[in-house]
C-alpha atoms as a PDB file:
ATOM      1  CA  PHE A   1      -3.263  -4.507  17.839  1.00  0.00           C
ATOM      2  CA  LEU A   2      -6.481  -6.295  17.166  1.00  0.00           C
ATOM      3  CA  ILE A   3      -7.288  -7.883  13.841  1.00  0.00           C
ATOM      4  CA  GLU A   4     -10.647  -6.791  12.534  1.00  0.00           C
ATOM      5  CA  GLU A   5     -13.005  -8.976  10.535  1.00  0.00           C
ATOM      6  CA  PRO A   6     -13.833  -9.718   7.806  1.00  0.00           C
ATOM      7  CA  LEU A   7     -10.507 -11.399   7.067  1.00  0.00           C
ATOM      8  CA  GLU A   8     -10.528 -10.407   3.410  1.00  0.00           C
ATOM      9  CA  VAL A   9      -7.842  -8.751   1.291  1.00  0.00           C
ATOM     10  CA  GLY A  10      -8.471  -5.013   1.204  1.00  0.00           C
ATOM     11  CA  HIS A  11     -10.404  -4.785   4.478  1.00  0.00           C
ATOM     12  CA  SER A  12      -9.093  -1.785   6.436  1.00  0.00           C
ATOM     13  CA  TRP A  13      -9.577  -0.044   9.769  1.00  0.00           C
ATOM     14  CA  MET A  14      -7.934   2.608  11.939  1.00  0.00           C
ATOM     15  CA  ALA A  15      -6.733   2.997  15.509  1.00  0.00           C
ATOM     16  CA  VAL A  16      -5.936   6.258  17.319  1.00  0.00           C
ATOM     17  CA  PRO A  17      -3.564   5.411  20.201  1.00  0.00           C
ATOM     18  CA  SER A  18      -2.996   9.120  20.957  1.00  0.00           C
ATOM     19  CA  PRO A  19      -4.350  12.443  19.630  1.00  0.00           C
ATOM     20  CA  SER A  20      -1.356  12.892  17.308  1.00  0.00           C
ATOM     21  CA  VAL A  21      -1.084   9.280  16.039  1.00  0.00           C
ATOM     22  CA  VAL A  22      -3.425   7.579  13.576  1.00  0.00           C
ATOM     23  CA  GLU A  23      -2.559   4.008  12.650  1.00  0.00           C
ATOM     24  CA  ARG A  24      -4.109   2.552   9.514  1.00  0.00           C
ATOM     25  CA  PHE A  25      -4.427  -1.211   9.087  1.00  0.00           C
ATOM     26  CA  ARG A  26      -5.183  -3.188   5.929  1.00  0.00           C
ATOM     27  CA  ILE A  27      -5.322  -6.903   5.195  1.00  0.00           C
ATOM     28  CA  VAL A  28      -2.892  -7.428   2.301  1.00  0.00           C
ATOM     29  CA  GLY A  29      -2.903 -11.242   2.083  1.00  0.00           C
ATOM     30  CA  THR A  30      -4.940 -14.196   3.317  1.00  0.00           C
ATOM     31  CA  ARG A  31      -3.142 -17.207   1.826  1.00  0.00           C
ATOM     32  CA  VAL A  32       0.482 -16.150   2.148  1.00  0.00           C
ATOM     33  CA  PRO A  33       3.130 -18.864   2.614  1.00  0.00           C
ATOM     34  CA  VAL A  34       5.969 -17.980   4.994  1.00  0.00           C
ATOM     35  CA  SER A  35       9.078 -19.800   6.220  1.00  0.00           C
ATOM     36  CA  VAL A  36      10.807 -18.849   9.472  1.00  0.00           C
ATOM     37  CA  PRO A  37      13.159 -20.824  11.753  1.00  0.00           C
ATOM     38  CA  ALA A  38      10.109 -22.256  13.580  1.00  0.00           C
ATOM     39  CA  GLY A  39       8.857 -23.829  10.341  1.00  0.00           C
ATOM     40  CA  SER A  40       6.926 -23.227   7.150  1.00  0.00           C
ATOM     41  CA  PHE A  41       3.328 -22.073   7.299  1.00  0.00           C
ATOM     42  CA  ALA A  42       0.759 -21.929   4.492  1.00  0.00           C
ATOM     43  CA  ASP A  43      -2.326 -19.739   4.268  1.00  0.00           C
ATOM     44  CA  CYS A  44      -1.021 -17.001   6.567  1.00  0.00           C
ATOM     45  CA  LEU A  45      -2.804 -13.706   7.128  1.00  0.00           C
ATOM     46  CA  GLN A  46      -0.794 -10.529   6.430  1.00  0.00           C
ATOM     47  CA  VAL A  47      -1.778  -7.169   7.891  1.00  0.00           C
ATOM     48  CA  GLU A  48      -0.072  -3.920   6.923  1.00  0.00           C
ATOM     49  CA  MET A  49       0.067  -1.058   9.421  1.00  0.00           C
ATOM     50  CA  SER A  50       1.047   2.466   8.418  1.00  0.00           C
ATOM     51  CA  GLN A  51       1.156   5.885   9.999  1.00  0.00           C
ATOM     52  CA  THR A  52       2.336   9.279   8.815  1.00  0.00           C
ATOM     53  CA  ILE A  53       5.574  10.555  10.343  1.00  0.00           C
ATOM     54  CA  ARG A  54       7.517  13.783   9.942  1.00  0.00           C
ATOM     55  CA  GLY A  55      11.161  13.682   8.855  1.00  0.00           C
ATOM     56  CA  GLN A  56      13.965  15.862  10.206  1.00  0.00           C
ATOM     57  CA  ASN A  57      13.649  18.146   7.182  1.00  0.00           C
ATOM     58  CA  GLY A  58       9.907  18.557   7.779  1.00  0.00           C
ATOM     59  CA  SER A  59       8.754  16.261   4.957  1.00  0.00           C
ATOM     60  CA  ASN A  60       6.047  13.687   5.566  1.00  0.00           C
ATOM     61  CA  GLY A  61       6.880  10.003   5.383  1.00  0.00           C
ATOM     62  CA  ARG A  62       5.314   6.734   6.446  1.00  0.00           C
ATOM     63  CA  LEU A  63       6.179   4.190   9.089  1.00  0.00           C
ATOM     64  CA  VAL A  64       5.067   0.834   7.620  1.00  0.00           C
ATOM     65  CA  GLY A  65       4.898  -2.585   9.242  1.00  0.00           C
ATOM     66  CA  VAL A  66       3.665  -5.941   7.974  1.00  0.00           C
ATOM     67  CA  TRP A  67       2.534  -8.611  10.453  1.00  0.00           C
ATOM     68  CA  THR A  68       2.204 -12.226   9.277  1.00  0.00           C
ATOM     69  CA  TYR A  69      -0.040 -14.546  11.319  1.00  0.00           C
ATOM     70  CA  ALA A  70      -0.215 -18.337  11.033  1.00  0.00           C
ATOM     71  CA  LYS A  71      -3.503 -19.995  11.938  1.00  0.00           C
ATOM     72  CA  GLY A  72      -3.217 -21.852  15.236  1.00  0.00           C
ATOM     73  CA  VAL A  73       0.144 -20.214  16.015  1.00  0.00           C
ATOM     74  CA  GLY A  74      -0.172 -16.410  15.967  1.00  0.00           C
ATOM     75  CA  PRO A  75       2.385 -13.879  14.731  1.00  0.00           C
ATOM     76  CA  VAL A  76       5.283 -15.605  12.961  1.00  0.00           C
ATOM     77  CA  HIS A  77       6.924 -12.669  11.172  1.00  0.00           C
ATOM     78  CA  PHE A  78       7.014  -8.868  11.446  1.00  0.00           C
ATOM     79  CA  LYS A  79       8.890  -6.346   9.343  1.00  0.00           C
ATOM     80  CA  GLN A  80       8.886  -2.564   9.737  1.00  0.00           C
ATOM     81  CA  TRP A  81      10.473   0.220   7.669  1.00  0.00           C
ATOM     82  CA  VAL A  82      10.279   3.955   7.021  1.00  0.00           C
ATOM     83  CA  GLU A  83       9.374   5.469   3.632  1.00  0.00           C
ATOM     84  CA  PHE A  84      10.196   9.030   2.558  1.00  0.00           C
ATOM     85  CA  PRO A  85       9.557  10.311  -0.987  1.00  0.00           C
ATOM     86  CA  GLU A  86      13.071  11.725  -1.368  1.00  0.00           C
ATOM     87  CA  ALA A  87      14.987   8.689  -0.054  1.00  0.00           C
ATOM     88  CA  ASP A  88      15.256   4.925  -0.245  1.00  0.00           C
ATOM     89  CA  ASP A  89      13.216   2.944   2.275  1.00  0.00           C
ATOM     90  CA  ILE A  90      14.928   2.711   5.645  1.00  0.00           C
ATOM     91  CA  PRO A  91      14.776  -0.765   7.243  1.00  0.00           C
ATOM     92  CA  ASN A  92      13.914  -0.537  10.885  1.00  0.00           C
ATOM     93  CA  VAL A  93      12.935  -3.819  12.554  1.00  0.00           C
ATOM     94  CA  GLU A  94      12.368  -7.438  11.568  1.00  0.00           C
ATOM     95  CA  PHE A  95      11.246 -10.263  13.860  1.00  0.00           C
ATOM     96  CA  GLN A  96      10.603 -13.920  13.131  1.00  0.00           C
ATOM     97  CA  LEU A  97       9.355 -16.859  15.178  1.00  0.00           C
ATOM     98  CA  LEU A  98      12.160 -19.201  16.254  1.00  0.00           C
ATOM     99  CA  GLU A  99      10.093 -21.937  17.857  1.00  0.00           C
ATOM    100  CA  PHE A 100       6.618 -22.522  19.216  1.00  0.00           C
ATOM    101  CA  GLU A 101       4.495 -24.974  21.116  1.00  0.00           C
ATOM    102  CA  VAL A 102       0.730 -25.149  20.849  1.00  0.00           C
ATOM    103  CA  SER A 103      -0.956 -26.205  24.064  1.00  0.00           C
ATOM    104  CA  GLU A 104      -4.261 -28.036  23.941  1.00  0.00           C
ATOM    105  CA  GLN A 105      -5.960 -25.302  25.982  1.00  0.00           C
ATOM    106  CA  SER A 106      -4.714 -22.356  23.862  1.00  0.00           C
ATOM    107  CA  SER A 107      -5.630 -24.078  20.585  1.00  0.00           C
ATOM    108  CA  ARG A 108      -9.212 -24.568  21.832  1.00  0.00           C
ATOM    109  CA  GLN A 109      -9.553 -20.949  22.979  1.00  0.00           C
ATOM    110  CA  SER A 110      -8.040 -19.012  20.098  1.00  0.00           C
ATOM    111  CA  PRO A 111      -7.308 -19.575  16.425  1.00  0.00           C
ATOM    112  CA  VAL A 112      -3.913 -17.938  16.961  1.00  0.00           C
ATOM    113  CA  GLY A 113      -3.060 -19.464  20.365  1.00  0.00           C
ATOM    114  CA  GLY A 114       0.301 -20.806  21.460  1.00  0.00           C
ATOM    115  CA  THR A 115       3.599 -19.661  22.917  1.00  0.00           C
ATOM    116  CA  GLY A 116       6.848 -18.959  21.187  1.00  0.00           C
ATOM    117  CA  GLN A 117      10.145 -17.127  20.940  1.00  0.00           C
ATOM    118  CA  VAL A 118      11.053 -14.473  18.427  1.00  0.00           C
ATOM    119  CA  SER A 119      14.359 -13.109  17.206  1.00  0.00           C
ATOM    120  CA  SER A 120      15.296  -9.716  15.885  1.00  0.00           C
ATOM    121  CA  LEU A 121      17.099  -9.881  12.557  1.00  0.00           C
ATOM    122  CA  PRO A 122      20.141  -7.636  12.064  1.00  0.00           C
END
């Protein structure tokens, strides 16, 4: 997804990838420190994504994901889970950056440029 400016906590926007899916995005942090196998990063941007989903019993829940972006690197961490009012949160997916390399060209073109590898956590 695209990150929308201004990059301020609380800024929100929506995307509608299909007629039945509305994704809501909100900046939840702008100076978040994060440590992953690729290193430690200060002042990261965190964006929360959520969308309403329907459970097997017909109740509404939320699919929630939080992306963490490091300036000059790009996404370094992602975690997703499912929330239902009548149950504990259900972990779904977690990724983290294992290593990265910033090329001179990508760092000039984009504030989040670079290449890297990610791993899925069990």
